[in-house]
Amino acid sequence: MAQCGGRTYYYIENGNAYDGGMPKCVFLAGFDPLLLGHEKKESLYLEPIYLRRVFNLAGMVMPCVLLSGRVVGRWKKKGKRLSMECFESLSQSDIREITDKAQTLWPDIDKIDFGE
């Protein structure tokens, strides 16, 4: 784990074991190595039913939200607005976790839309 610019980054250096905790909520960028590092149909993080909502037929890989080790939706930020396309119903606790993480990453956000 490393701190830089007020943010926490996780990494495993040169194959060493990792024994630290991972955050409950992670915003993954488009083309994130976590999603690209696995055979799409056998992903540890993405249910097959949501495959085309993350990997489209034009070769794009959409930015996703990883919550408790699984992809629960995709995100898009435009200006001060964050839009979430949720793949399933989320609990109020999950929504709060995602909102808190988003506001930590982007303090300028003034609106977060959760769509399902």
PDB file of N, CA and C in Angstrom:
ATOM      1  N   MET A   1       0.850  -1.167   0.000  1.00  0.00           N
ATOM      2  CA  MET A   1       0.000   0.000   0.000  1.00  0.00           C
ATOM      3  C   MET A   1       0.900   1.236   0.000  1.00  0.00           C
ATOM      4  N   ALA A   2       0.484   2.255  -0.742  1.00  0.00           N
ATOM      5  CA  ALA A   2       1.241   3.503  -0.793  1.00  0.00           C
ATOM      6  C   ALA A   2       0.275   4.682  -0.748  1.00  0.00           C
ATOM      7  N   GLN A   3       0.714   5.759  -0.142  1.00  0.00           N
ATOM      8  CA  GLN A   3      -0.062   6.996  -0.085  1.00  0.00           C
ATOM      9  C   GLN A   3       0.588   7.998  -1.034  1.00  0.00           C
ATOM     10  N   CYS A   4      -0.235   8.642  -1.848  1.00  0.00           N
ATOM     11  CA  CYS A   4       0.281   9.650  -2.766  1.00  0.00           C
ATOM     12  C   CYS A   4      -0.820  10.658  -3.052  1.00  0.00           C
ATOM     13  N   GLY A   5      -0.553  11.918  -2.810  1.00  0.00           N
ATOM     14  CA  GLY A   5      -1.541  12.954  -3.084  1.00  0.00           C
ATOM     15  C   GLY A   5      -2.825  12.785  -2.306  1.00  0.00           C
ATOM     16  N   GLY A   6      -2.738  12.237  -1.100  1.00  0.00           N
ATOM     17  CA  GLY A   6      -3.923  12.038  -0.284  1.00  0.00           C
ATOM     18  C   GLY A   6      -4.747  10.814  -0.668  1.00  0.00           C
ATOM     19  N   ARG A   7      -4.259  10.001  -1.576  1.00  0.00           N
ATOM     20  CA  ARG A   7      -4.969   8.793  -2.001  1.00  0.00           C
ATOM     21  C   ARG A   7      -4.174   7.554  -1.611  1.00  0.00           C
ATOM     22  N   THR A   8      -4.877   6.438  -1.457  1.00  0.00           N
ATOM     23  CA  THR A   8      -4.245   5.171  -1.128  1.00  0.00           C
ATOM     24  C   THR A   8      -4.204   4.305  -2.379  1.00  0.00           C
ATOM     25  N   TYR A   9      -3.029   3.771  -2.681  1.00  0.00           N
ATOM     26  CA  TYR A   9      -2.851   2.881  -3.826  1.00  0.00           C
ATOM     27  C   TYR A   9      -2.380   1.527  -3.320  1.00  0.00           C
ATOM     28  N   TYR A  10      -2.897   0.451  -3.945  1.00  0.00           N
ATOM     29  CA  TYR A  10      -2.526  -0.910  -3.560  1.00  0.00           C
ATOM     30  C   TYR A  10      -1.730  -1.545  -4.696  1.00  0.00           C
ATOM     31  N   TYR A  11      -0.717  -2.284  -4.353  1.00  0.00           N
ATOM     32  CA  TYR A  11       0.085  -2.977  -5.347  1.00  0.00           C
ATOM     33  C   TYR A  11       0.804  -4.141  -4.682  1.00  0.00           C
ATOM     34  N   ILE A  12       1.233  -5.079  -5.504  1.00  0.00           N
ATOM     35  CA  ILE A  12       2.053  -6.181  -5.028  1.00  0.00           C
ATOM     36  C   ILE A  12       3.382  -6.050  -5.758  1.00  0.00           C
ATOM     37  N   GLU A  13       4.446  -5.879  -5.004  1.00  0.00           N
ATOM     38  CA  GLU A  13       5.743  -5.596  -5.581  1.00  0.00           C
ATOM     39  C   GLU A  13       6.502  -6.879  -5.897  1.00  0.00           C
ATOM     40  N   ASN A  14       6.852  -7.071  -7.159  1.00  0.00           N
ATOM     41  CA  ASN A  14       7.707  -8.176  -7.604  1.00  0.00           C
ATOM     42  C   ASN A  14       7.277  -9.548  -7.090  1.00  0.00           C
ATOM     43  N   GLY A  15       5.992  -9.817  -7.075  1.00  0.00           N
ATOM     44  CA  GLY A  15       5.509 -11.128  -6.701  1.00  0.00           C
ATOM     45  C   GLY A  15       5.493 -11.415  -5.219  1.00  0.00           C
ATOM     46  N   ASN A  16       5.786 -10.445  -4.387  1.00  0.00           N
ATOM     47  CA  ASN A  16       5.739 -10.661  -2.942  1.00  0.00           C
ATOM     48  C   ASN A  16       4.299 -10.879  -2.496  1.00  0.00           C
ATOM     49  N   ALA A  17       4.122 -11.590  -1.418  1.00  0.00           N
ATOM     50  CA  ALA A  17       2.785 -11.852  -0.883  1.00  0.00           C
ATOM     51  C   ALA A  17       2.142 -10.552  -0.411  1.00  0.00           C
ATOM     52  N   TYR A  18       0.834 -10.496  -0.489  1.00  0.00           N
ATOM     53  CA  TYR A  18       0.089  -9.316  -0.042  1.00  0.00           C
ATOM     54  C   TYR A  18      -0.838  -9.729   1.084  1.00  0.00           C
ATOM     55  N   ASP A  19      -0.737  -9.075   2.224  1.00  0.00           N
ATOM     56  CA  ASP A  19      -1.578  -9.438   3.354  1.00  0.00           C
ATOM     57  C   ASP A  19      -2.435  -8.276   3.850  1.00  0.00           C
ATOM     58  N   GLY A  20      -2.504  -7.202   3.077  1.00  0.00           N
ATOM     59  CA  GLY A  20      -3.313  -6.044   3.460  1.00  0.00           C
ATOM     60  C   GLY A  20      -4.757  -6.200   3.018  1.00  0.00           C
ATOM     61  N   GLY A  21      -5.625  -5.408   3.588  1.00  0.00           N
ATOM     62  CA  GLY A  21      -7.024  -5.447   3.209  1.00  0.00           C
ATOM     63  C   GLY A  21      -7.300  -4.615   1.963  1.00  0.00           C
ATOM     64  N   MET A  22      -8.259  -5.033   1.201  1.00  0.00           N
ATOM     65  CA  MET A  22      -8.673  -4.279   0.017  1.00  0.00           C
ATOM     66  C   MET A  22      -9.904  -3.458   0.359  1.00  0.00           C
ATOM     67  N   PRO A  23     -10.051  -2.318  -0.260  1.00  0.00           N
ATOM     68  CA  PRO A  23     -11.238  -1.506  -0.004  1.00  0.00           C
ATOM     69  C   PRO A  23     -12.502  -2.217  -0.463  1.00  0.00           C
ATOM     70  N   LYS A  24     -13.613  -1.921   0.163  1.00  0.00           N
ATOM     71  CA  LYS A  24     -14.882  -2.546  -0.211  1.00  0.00           C
ATOM     72  C   LYS A  24     -15.346  -2.075  -1.592  1.00  0.00           C
ATOM     73  N   CYS A  25     -15.088  -0.809  -1.906  1.00  0.00           N
ATOM     74  CA  CYS A  25     -15.537  -0.230  -3.171  1.00  0.00           C
ATOM     75  C   CYS A  25     -14.348   0.312  -3.945  1.00  0.00           C
ATOM     76  N   VAL A  26     -14.268  -0.077  -5.232  1.00  0.00           N
ATOM     77  CA  VAL A  26     -13.193   0.388  -6.105  1.00  0.00           C
ATOM     78  C   VAL A  26     -13.817   0.819  -7.433  1.00  0.00           C
ATOM     79  N   PHE A  27     -13.476   2.024  -7.875  1.00  0.00           N
ATOM     80  CA  PHE A  27     -13.887   2.487  -9.202  1.00  0.00           C
ATOM     81  C   PHE A  27     -12.801   2.063 -10.182  1.00  0.00           C
ATOM     82  N   LEU A  28     -13.151   1.198 -11.120  1.00  0.00           N
ATOM     83  CA  LEU A  28     -12.211   0.719 -12.131  1.00  0.00           C
ATOM     84  C   LEU A  28     -12.339   1.586 -13.376  1.00  0.00           C
ATOM     85  N   ALA A  29     -11.210   1.942 -13.959  1.00  0.00           N
ATOM     86  CA  ALA A  29     -11.212   2.717 -15.205  1.00  0.00           C
ATOM     87  C   ALA A  29     -11.602   1.819 -16.370  1.00  0.00           C
ATOM     88  N   GLY A  30     -11.947   2.425 -17.487  1.00  0.00           N
ATOM     89  CA  GLY A  30     -12.153   1.657 -18.708  1.00  0.00           C
ATOM     90  C   GLY A  30     -10.846   0.944 -19.048  1.00  0.00           C
ATOM     91  N   PHE A  31     -10.921  -0.255 -19.560  1.00  0.00           N
ATOM     92  CA  PHE A  31      -9.758  -1.067 -19.922  1.00  0.00           C
ATOM     93  C   PHE A  31      -8.889  -1.384 -18.707  1.00  0.00           C
ATOM     94  N   ASP A  32      -9.492  -1.473 -17.533  1.00  0.00           N
ATOM     95  CA  ASP A  32      -8.727  -1.755 -16.315  1.00  0.00           C
ATOM     96  C   ASP A  32      -8.093  -3.142 -16.397  1.00  0.00           C
ATOM     97  N   PRO A  33      -6.820  -3.280 -15.997  1.00  0.00           N
ATOM     98  CA  PRO A  33      -6.134  -4.573 -16.041  1.00  0.00           C
ATOM     99  C   PRO A  33      -6.822  -5.666 -15.224  1.00  0.00           C
ATOM    100  N   LEU A  34      -7.542  -5.297 -14.187  1.00  0.00           N
ATOM    101  CA  LEU A  34      -8.239  -6.303 -13.390  1.00  0.00           C
ATOM    102  C   LEU A  34      -9.260  -7.053 -14.245  1.00  0.00           C
ATOM    103  N   LEU A  35      -9.939  -6.336 -15.131  1.00  0.00           N
ATOM    104  CA  LEU A  35     -10.918  -6.975 -16.007  1.00  0.00           C
ATOM    105  C   LEU A  35     -10.243  -7.630 -17.208  1.00  0.00           C
ATOM    106  N   LEU A  36      -9.188  -7.021 -17.710  1.00  0.00           N
ATOM    107  CA  LEU A  36      -8.511  -7.549 -18.898  1.00  0.00           C
ATOM    108  C   LEU A  36      -7.596  -8.728 -18.587  1.00  0.00           C
ATOM    109  N   GLY A  37      -7.253  -8.907 -17.317  1.00  0.00           N
ATOM    110  CA  GLY A  37      -6.315  -9.959 -16.927  1.00  0.00           C
ATOM    111  C   GLY A  37      -6.926 -11.341 -16.832  1.00  0.00           C
ATOM    112  N   HIS A  38      -8.199 -11.462 -17.131  1.00  0.00           N
ATOM    113  CA  HIS A  38      -8.887 -12.754 -17.046  1.00  0.00           C
ATOM    114  C   HIS A  38      -9.656 -13.014 -18.330  1.00  0.00           C
ATOM    115  N   GLU A  39      -9.844 -14.270 -18.648  1.00  0.00           N
ATOM    116  CA  GLU A  39     -10.731 -14.633 -19.753  1.00  0.00           C
ATOM    117  C   GLU A  39     -12.108 -14.061 -19.431  1.00  0.00           C
ATOM    118  N   LYS A  40     -12.662 -13.300 -20.349  1.00  0.00           N
ATOM    119  CA  LYS A  40     -13.930 -12.608 -20.077  1.00  0.00           C
ATOM    120  C   LYS A  40     -15.019 -13.528 -19.558  1.00  0.00           C
ATOM    121  N   LYS A  41     -15.156 -14.683 -20.165  1.00  0.00           N
ATOM    122  CA  LYS A  41     -16.248 -15.596 -19.801  1.00  0.00           C
ATOM    123  C   LYS A  41     -15.997 -16.312 -18.477  1.00  0.00           C
ATOM    124  N   GLU A  42     -14.786 -16.203 -17.949  1.00  0.00           N
ATOM    125  CA  GLU A  42     -14.451 -16.866 -16.694  1.00  0.00           C
ATOM    126  C   GLU A  42     -13.987 -15.867 -15.643  1.00  0.00           C
ATOM    127  N   SER A  43     -14.448 -14.636 -15.739  1.00  0.00           N
ATOM    128  CA  SER A  43     -14.016 -13.588 -14.825  1.00  0.00           C
ATOM    129  C   SER A  43     -14.410 -13.911 -13.392  1.00  0.00           C
ATOM    130  N   LEU A  44     -13.514 -13.611 -12.483  1.00  0.00           N
ATOM    131  CA  LEU A  44     -13.796 -13.781 -11.063  1.00  0.00           C
ATOM    132  C   LEU A  44     -14.692 -12.663 -10.537  1.00  0.00           C
ATOM    133  N   TYR A  45     -14.787 -11.577 -11.278  1.00  0.00           N
ATOM    134  CA  TYR A  45     -15.435 -10.367 -10.794  1.00  0.00           C
ATOM    135  C   TYR A  45     -16.740 -10.018 -11.499  1.00  0.00           C
ATOM    136  N   LEU A  46     -16.922 -10.527 -12.704  1.00  0.00           N
ATOM    137  CA  LEU A  46     -18.038 -10.111 -13.548  1.00  0.00           C
ATOM    138  C   LEU A  46     -18.933 -11.298 -13.899  1.00  0.00           C
ATOM    139  N   GLU A  47     -20.196 -11.191 -13.520  1.00  0.00           N
ATOM    140  CA  GLU A  47     -21.158 -12.242 -13.867  1.00  0.00           C
ATOM    141  C   GLU A  47     -21.329 -12.281 -15.391  1.00  0.00           C
ATOM    142  N   PRO A  48     -21.385 -13.463 -15.983  1.00  0.00           N
ATOM    143  CA  PRO A  48     -21.512 -13.581 -17.441  1.00  0.00           C
ATOM    144  C   PRO A  48     -22.716 -12.823 -18.020  1.00  0.00           C
ATOM    145  N   ILE A  49     -23.783 -12.715 -17.259  1.00  0.00           N
ATOM    146  CA  ILE A  49     -24.973 -12.024 -17.747  1.00  0.00           C
ATOM    147  C   ILE A  49     -24.702 -10.535 -18.041  1.00  0.00           C
ATOM    148  N   TYR A  50     -23.677  -9.950 -17.400  1.00  0.00           N
ATOM    149  CA  TYR A  50     -23.351  -8.530 -17.579  1.00  0.00           C
ATOM    150  C   TYR A  50     -22.179  -8.295 -18.525  1.00  0.00           C
ATOM    151  N   LEU A  51     -21.694  -9.347 -19.142  1.00  0.00           N
ATOM    152  CA  LEU A  51     -20.505  -9.279 -19.984  1.00  0.00           C
ATOM    153  C   LEU A  51     -20.590  -8.191 -21.044  1.00  0.00           C
ATOM    154  N   ARG A  52     -21.666  -8.137 -21.807  1.00  0.00           N
ATOM    155  CA  ARG A  52     -21.798  -7.166 -22.907  1.00  0.00           C
ATOM    156  C   ARG A  52     -22.054  -5.746 -22.413  1.00  0.00           C
ATOM    157  N   ARG A  53     -22.403  -5.587 -21.159  1.00  0.00           N
ATOM    158  CA  ARG A  53     -22.579  -4.236 -20.620  1.00  0.00           C
ATOM    159  C   ARG A  53     -21.229  -3.637 -20.218  1.00  0.00           C
ATOM    160  N   VAL A  54     -20.208  -4.491 -20.107  1.00  0.00           N
ATOM    161  CA  VAL A  54     -18.862  -4.029 -19.770  1.00  0.00           C
ATOM    162  C   VAL A  54     -17.947  -4.119 -20.992  1.00  0.00           C
ATOM    163  N   PHE A  55     -17.970  -5.244 -21.689  1.00  0.00           N
ATOM    164  CA  PHE A  55     -17.174  -5.450 -22.903  1.00  0.00           C
ATOM    165  C   PHE A  55     -18.117  -5.373 -24.094  1.00  0.00           C
ATOM    166  N   ASN A  56     -18.117  -4.257 -24.834  1.00  0.00           N
ATOM    167  CA  ASN A  56     -19.052  -4.186 -25.956  1.00  0.00           C
ATOM    168  C   ASN A  56     -18.443  -4.805 -27.217  1.00  0.00           C
ATOM    169  N   LEU A  57     -19.247  -4.963 -28.228  1.00  0.00           N
ATOM    170  CA  LEU A  57     -18.812  -5.642 -29.450  1.00  0.00           C
ATOM    171  C   LEU A  57     -17.835  -4.813 -30.275  1.00  0.00           C
ATOM    172  N   ALA A  58     -17.712  -3.519 -29.971  1.00  0.00           N
ATOM    173  CA  ALA A  58     -16.756  -2.663 -30.680  1.00  0.00           C
ATOM    174  C   ALA A  58     -15.370  -2.705 -30.035  1.00  0.00           C
ATOM    175  N   GLY A  59     -15.212  -3.494 -28.972  1.00  0.00           N
ATOM    176  CA  GLY A  59     -13.921  -3.642 -28.318  1.00  0.00           C
ATOM    177  C   GLY A  59     -13.684  -2.701 -27.147  1.00  0.00           C
ATOM    178  N   MET A  60     -14.687  -1.932 -26.779  1.00  0.00           N
ATOM    179  CA  MET A  60     -14.550  -1.021 -25.645  1.00  0.00           C
ATOM    180  C   MET A  60     -14.750  -1.791 -24.333  1.00  0.00           C
ATOM    181  N   VAL A  61     -14.040  -1.358 -23.296  1.00  0.00           N
ATOM    182  CA  VAL A  61     -14.217  -1.900 -21.952  1.00  0.00           C
ATOM    183  C   VAL A  61     -14.623  -0.726 -21.067  1.00  0.00           C
ATOM    184  N   MET A  62     -15.836  -0.782 -20.553  1.00  0.00           N
ATOM    185  CA  MET A  62     -16.414   0.338 -19.817  1.00  0.00           C
ATOM    186  C   MET A  62     -15.870   0.427 -18.392  1.00  0.00           C
ATOM    187  N   PRO A  63     -15.814   1.641 -17.835  1.00  0.00           N
ATOM    188  CA  PRO A  63     -15.435   1.813 -16.438  1.00  0.00           C
ATOM    189  C   PRO A  63     -16.487   1.187 -15.523  1.00  0.00           C
ATOM    190  N   CYS A  64     -16.045   0.468 -14.509  1.00  0.00           N
ATOM    191  CA  CYS A  64     -16.960  -0.288 -13.641  1.00  0.00           C
ATOM    192  C   CYS A  64     -16.744   0.044 -12.177  1.00  0.00           C
ATOM    193  N   VAL A  65     -17.717  -0.366 -11.373  1.00  0.00           N
ATOM    194  CA  VAL A  65     -17.594  -0.281  -9.924  1.00  0.00           C
ATOM    195  C   VAL A  65     -17.492  -1.705  -9.389  1.00  0.00           C
ATOM    196  N   LEU A  66     -16.434  -1.945  -8.649  1.00  0.00           N
ATOM    197  CA  LEU A  66     -16.213  -3.225  -7.993  1.00  0.00           C
ATOM    198  C   LEU A  66     -16.614  -3.043  -6.535  1.00  0.00           C
ATOM    199  N   LEU A  67     -17.584  -3.813  -6.088  1.00  0.00           N
ATOM    200  CA  LEU A  67     -18.074  -3.711  -4.720  1.00  0.00           C
ATOM    201  C   LEU A  67     -18.014  -5.091  -4.087  1.00  0.00           C
ATOM    202  N   SER A  68     -17.281  -5.201  -3.013  1.00  0.00           N
ATOM    203  CA  SER A  68     -17.095  -6.483  -2.319  1.00  0.00           C
ATOM    204  C   SER A  68     -16.627  -7.580  -3.275  1.00  0.00           C
ATOM    205  N   GLY A  69     -15.728  -7.212  -4.200  1.00  0.00           N
ATOM    206  CA  GLY A  69     -15.124  -8.199  -5.085  1.00  0.00           C
ATOM    207  C   GLY A  69     -15.905  -8.573  -6.321  1.00  0.00           C
ATOM    208  N   ARG A  70     -16.979  -7.835  -6.639  1.00  0.00           N
ATOM    209  CA  ARG A  70     -17.724  -8.150  -7.872  1.00  0.00           C
ATOM    210  C   ARG A  70     -18.195  -6.866  -8.538  1.00  0.00           C
ATOM    211  N   VAL A  71     -18.274  -6.909  -9.851  1.00  0.00           N
ATOM    212  CA  VAL A  71     -18.735  -5.754 -10.621  1.00  0.00           C
ATOM    213  C   VAL A  71     -20.246  -5.627 -10.448  1.00  0.00           C
ATOM    214  N   VAL A  72     -20.680  -4.457  -9.959  1.00  0.00           N
ATOM    215  CA  VAL A  72     -22.107  -4.228  -9.706  1.00  0.00           C
ATOM    216  C   VAL A  72     -22.706  -3.170 -10.640  1.00  0.00           C
ATOM    217  N   GLY A  73     -21.869  -2.566 -11.469  1.00  0.00           N
ATOM    218  CA  GLY A  73     -22.378  -1.552 -12.389  1.00  0.00           C
ATOM    219  C   GLY A  73     -21.237  -0.853 -13.093  1.00  0.00           C
ATOM    220  N   ARG A  74     -21.622   0.087 -13.943  1.00  0.00           N
ATOM    221  CA  ARG A  74     -20.616   0.888 -14.620  1.00  0.00           C
ATOM    222  C   ARG A  74     -20.885   2.361 -14.339  1.00  0.00           C
ATOM    223  N   TRP A  75     -19.870   3.188 -14.535  1.00  0.00           N
ATOM    224  CA  TRP A  75     -19.979   4.594 -14.171  1.00  0.00           C
ATOM    225  C   TRP A  75     -19.497   5.493 -15.299  1.00  0.00           C
ATOM    226  N   LYS A  76     -19.965   6.741 -15.232  1.00  0.00           N
ATOM    227  CA  LYS A  76     -19.531   7.767 -16.176  1.00  0.00           C
ATOM    228  C   LYS A  76     -19.572   9.101 -15.448  1.00  0.00           C
ATOM    229  N   LYS A  77     -18.488   9.840 -15.525  1.00  0.00           N
ATOM    230  CA  LYS A  77     -18.434  11.161 -14.889  1.00  0.00           C
ATOM    231  C   LYS A  77     -18.356  12.219 -15.969  1.00  0.00           C
ATOM    232  N   LYS A  78     -19.242  13.189 -15.874  1.00  0.00           N
ATOM    233  CA  LYS A  78     -19.245  14.311 -16.807  1.00  0.00           C
ATOM    234  C   LYS A  78     -19.412  15.580 -15.986  1.00  0.00           C
ATOM    235  N   GLY A  79     -18.368  16.403 -15.977  1.00  0.00           N
ATOM    236  CA  GLY A  79     -18.401  17.610 -15.164  1.00  0.00           C
ATOM    237  C   GLY A  79     -18.511  17.251 -13.696  1.00  0.00           C
ATOM    238  N   LYS A  80     -19.528  17.798 -13.037  1.00  0.00           N
ATOM    239  CA  LYS A  80     -19.733  17.549 -11.609  1.00  0.00           C
ATOM    240  C   LYS A  80     -20.801  16.491 -11.360  1.00  0.00           C
ATOM    241  N   ARG A  81     -21.119  15.713 -12.394  1.00  0.00           N
ATOM    242  CA  ARG A  81     -22.170  14.697 -12.282  1.00  0.00           C
ATOM    243  C   ARG A  81     -21.587  13.301 -12.528  1.00  0.00           C
ATOM    244  N   LEU A  82     -21.941  12.381 -11.652  1.00  0.00           N
ATOM    245  CA  LEU A  82     -21.556  10.982 -11.796  1.00  0.00           C
ATOM    246  C   LEU A  82     -22.817  10.175 -12.048  1.00  0.00           C
ATOM    247  N   SER A  83     -22.818   9.415 -13.133  1.00  0.00           N
ATOM    248  CA  SER A  83     -23.959   8.552 -13.455  1.00  0.00           C
ATOM    249  C   SER A  83     -23.543   7.108 -13.257  1.00  0.00           C
ATOM    250  N   MET A  84     -24.389   6.363 -12.572  1.00  0.00           N
ATOM    251  CA  MET A  84     -24.160   4.946 -12.324  1.00  0.00           C
ATOM    252  C   MET A  84     -25.234   4.139 -13.035  1.00  0.00           C
ATOM    253  N   GLU A  85     -24.815   3.139 -13.781  1.00  0.00           N
ATOM    254  CA  GLU A  85     -25.754   2.156 -14.324  1.00  0.00           C
ATOM    255  C   GLU A  85     -25.553   0.894 -13.497  1.00  0.00           C
ATOM    256  N   CYS A  86     -26.470   0.649 -12.591  1.00  0.00           N
ATOM    257  CA  CYS A  86     -26.366  -0.510 -11.697  1.00  0.00           C
ATOM    258  C   CYS A  86     -26.886  -1.751 -12.412  1.00  0.00           C
ATOM    259  N   PHE A  87     -26.187  -2.856 -12.257  1.00  0.00           N
ATOM    260  CA  PHE A  87     -26.583  -4.108 -12.887  1.00  0.00           C
ATOM    261  C   PHE A  87     -27.596  -4.881 -12.057  1.00  0.00           C
ATOM    262  N   GLU A  88     -27.774  -4.476 -10.834  1.00  0.00           N
ATOM    263  CA  GLU A  88     -28.686  -5.164  -9.915  1.00  0.00           C
ATOM    264  C   GLU A  88     -29.145  -4.157  -8.867  1.00  0.00           C
ATOM    265  N   SER A  89     -30.142  -4.531  -8.097  1.00  0.00           N
ATOM    266  CA  SER A  89     -30.593  -3.665  -7.007  1.00  0.00           C
ATOM    267  C   SER A  89     -29.523  -3.637  -5.928  1.00  0.00           C
ATOM    268  N   LEU A  90     -29.243  -2.441  -5.439  1.00  0.00           N
ATOM    269  CA  LEU A  90     -28.244  -2.277  -4.391  1.00  0.00           C
ATOM    270  C   LEU A  90     -28.922  -1.866  -3.092  1.00  0.00           C
ATOM    271  N   SER A  91     -28.374  -2.318  -1.989  1.00  0.00           N
ATOM    272  CA  SER A  91     -28.895  -1.915  -0.682  1.00  0.00           C
ATOM    273  C   SER A  91     -28.509  -0.460  -0.415  1.00  0.00           C
ATOM    274  N   GLN A  92     -29.172   0.150   0.551  1.00  0.00           N
ATOM    275  CA  GLN A  92     -28.827   1.521   0.931  1.00  0.00           C
ATOM    276  C   GLN A  92     -27.383   1.581   1.432  1.00  0.00           C
ATOM    277  N   SER A  93     -26.941   0.544   2.107  1.00  0.00           N
ATOM    278  CA  SER A  93     -25.562   0.477   2.581  1.00  0.00           C
ATOM    279  C   SER A  93     -24.581   0.467   1.409  1.00  0.00           C
ATOM    280  N   ASP A  94     -24.897  -0.316   0.357  1.00  0.00           N
ATOM    281  CA  ASP A  94     -24.049  -0.362  -0.841  1.00  0.00           C
ATOM    282  C   ASP A  94     -24.012   0.998  -1.534  1.00  0.00           C
ATOM    283  N   ILE A  95     -25.156   1.627  -1.669  1.00  0.00           N
ATOM    284  CA  ILE A  95     -25.238   2.948  -2.301  1.00  0.00           C
ATOM    285  C   ILE A  95     -24.415   3.960  -1.509  1.00  0.00           C
ATOM    286  N   ARG A  96     -24.509   3.891  -0.201  1.00  0.00           N
ATOM    287  CA  ARG A  96     -23.746   4.799   0.666  1.00  0.00           C
ATOM    288  C   ARG A  96     -22.240   4.551   0.488  1.00  0.00           C
ATOM    289  N   GLU A  97     -21.842   3.288   0.405  1.00  0.00           N
ATOM    290  CA  GLU A  97     -20.427   2.935   0.213  1.00  0.00           C
ATOM    291  C   GLU A  97     -19.910   3.501  -1.109  1.00  0.00           C
ATOM    292  N   ILE A  98     -20.678   3.336  -2.182  1.00  0.00           N
ATOM    293  CA  ILE A  98     -20.286   3.845  -3.496  1.00  0.00           C
ATOM    294  C   ILE A  98     -20.248   5.369  -3.489  1.00  0.00           C
ATOM    295  N   THR A  99     -21.245   5.992  -2.883  1.00  0.00           N
ATOM    296  CA  THR A  99     -21.311   7.457  -2.807  1.00  0.00           C
ATOM    297  C   THR A  99     -20.112   8.005  -2.036  1.00  0.00           C
ATOM    298  N   ASP A 100     -19.805   7.397  -0.899  1.00  0.00           N
ATOM    299  CA  ASP A 100     -18.668   7.862  -0.092  1.00  0.00           C
ATOM    300  C   ASP A 100     -17.362   7.755  -0.870  1.00  0.00           C
ATOM    301  N   LYS A 101     -17.168   6.640  -1.571  1.00  0.00           N
ATOM    302  CA  LYS A 101     -15.942   6.443  -2.352  1.00  0.00           C
ATOM    303  C   LYS A 101     -15.866   7.458  -3.490  1.00  0.00           C
ATOM    304  N   ALA A 102     -16.990   7.686  -4.172  1.00  0.00           N
ATOM    305  CA  ALA A 102     -17.021   8.649  -5.276  1.00  0.00           C
ATOM    306  C   ALA A 102     -16.670  10.051  -4.786  1.00  0.00           C
ATOM    307  N   GLN A 103     -17.219  10.428  -3.653  1.00  0.00           N
ATOM    308  CA  GLN A 103     -16.954  11.765  -3.120  1.00  0.00           C
ATOM    309  C   GLN A 103     -15.515  11.902  -2.636  1.00  0.00           C
ATOM    310  N   THR A 104     -14.903  10.798  -2.248  1.00  0.00           N
ATOM    311  CA  THR A 104     -13.483  10.821  -1.890  1.00  0.00           C
ATOM    312  C   THR A 104     -12.623  11.016  -3.138  1.00  0.00           C
ATOM    313  N   LEU A 105     -12.985  10.317  -4.219  1.00  0.00           N
ATOM    314  CA  LEU A 105     -12.220  10.419  -5.465  1.00  0.00           C
ATOM    315  C   LEU A 105     -12.417  11.757  -6.155  1.00  0.00           C
ATOM    316  N   TRP A 106     -13.665  12.226  -6.154  1.00  0.00           N
ATOM    317  CA  TRP A 106     -14.024  13.454  -6.866  1.00  0.00           C
ATOM    318  C   TRP A 106     -14.795  14.393  -5.933  1.00  0.00           C
ATOM    319  N   PRO A 107     -14.108  15.175  -5.125  1.00  0.00           N
ATOM    320  CA  PRO A 107     -14.787  16.053  -4.162  1.00  0.00           C
ATOM    321  C   PRO A 107     -15.691  17.097  -4.816  1.00  0.00           C
ATOM    322  N   ASP A 108     -15.501  17.357  -6.112  1.00  0.00           N
ATOM    323  CA  ASP A 108     -16.301  18.370  -6.794  1.00  0.00           C
ATOM    324  C   ASP A 108     -17.672  17.865  -7.256  1.00  0.00           C
ATOM    325  N   ILE A 109     -17.955  16.576  -7.089  1.00  0.00           N
ATOM    326  CA  ILE A 109     -19.247  16.023  -7.520  1.00  0.00           C
ATOM    327  C   ILE A 109     -20.379  16.675  -6.738  1.00  0.00           C
ATOM    328  N   ASP A 110     -21.397  17.114  -7.472  1.00  0.00           N
ATOM    329  CA  ASP A 110     -22.568  17.654  -6.775  1.00  0.00           C
ATOM    330  C   ASP A 110     -23.824  16.838  -7.035  1.00  0.00           C
ATOM    331  N   LYS A 111     -23.726  15.822  -7.939  1.00  0.00           N
ATOM    332  CA  LYS A 111     -24.897  14.968  -8.204  1.00  0.00           C
ATOM    333  C   LYS A 111     -24.425  13.570  -8.585  1.00  0.00           C
ATOM    334  N   ILE A 112     -25.034  12.570  -7.961  1.00  0.00           N
ATOM    335  CA  ILE A 112     -24.787  11.177  -8.323  1.00  0.00           C
ATOM    336  C   ILE A 112     -26.121  10.541  -8.646  1.00  0.00           C
ATOM    337  N   ASP A 113     -26.257  10.041  -9.865  1.00  0.00           N
ATOM    338  CA  ASP A 113     -27.488   9.366 -10.293  1.00  0.00           C
ATOM    339  C   ASP A 113     -27.249   7.876 -10.300  1.00  0.00           C
ATOM    340  N   PHE A 114     -28.124   7.137  -9.613  1.00  0.00           N
ATOM    341  CA  PHE A 114     -28.083   5.679  -9.616  1.00  0.00           C
ATOM    342  C   PHE A 114     -29.242   5.181 -10.456  1.00  0.00           C
ATOM    343  N   GLY A 115     -28.944   4.616 -11.620  1.00  0.00           N
ATOM    344  CA  GLY A 115     -29.977   4.031 -12.460  1.00  0.00           C
ATOM    345  C   GLY A 115     -29.902   2.531 -12.386  1.00  0.00           C
ATOM    346  N   GLU A 116     -30.997   1.865 -12.649  1.00  0.00           N
ATOM    347  CA  GLU A 116     -31.005   0.385 -12.656  1.00  0.00           C
ATOM    348  C   GLU A 116     -31.656  -0.088 -13.924  1.00  0.00           C
TER     349      GLU A 116
END
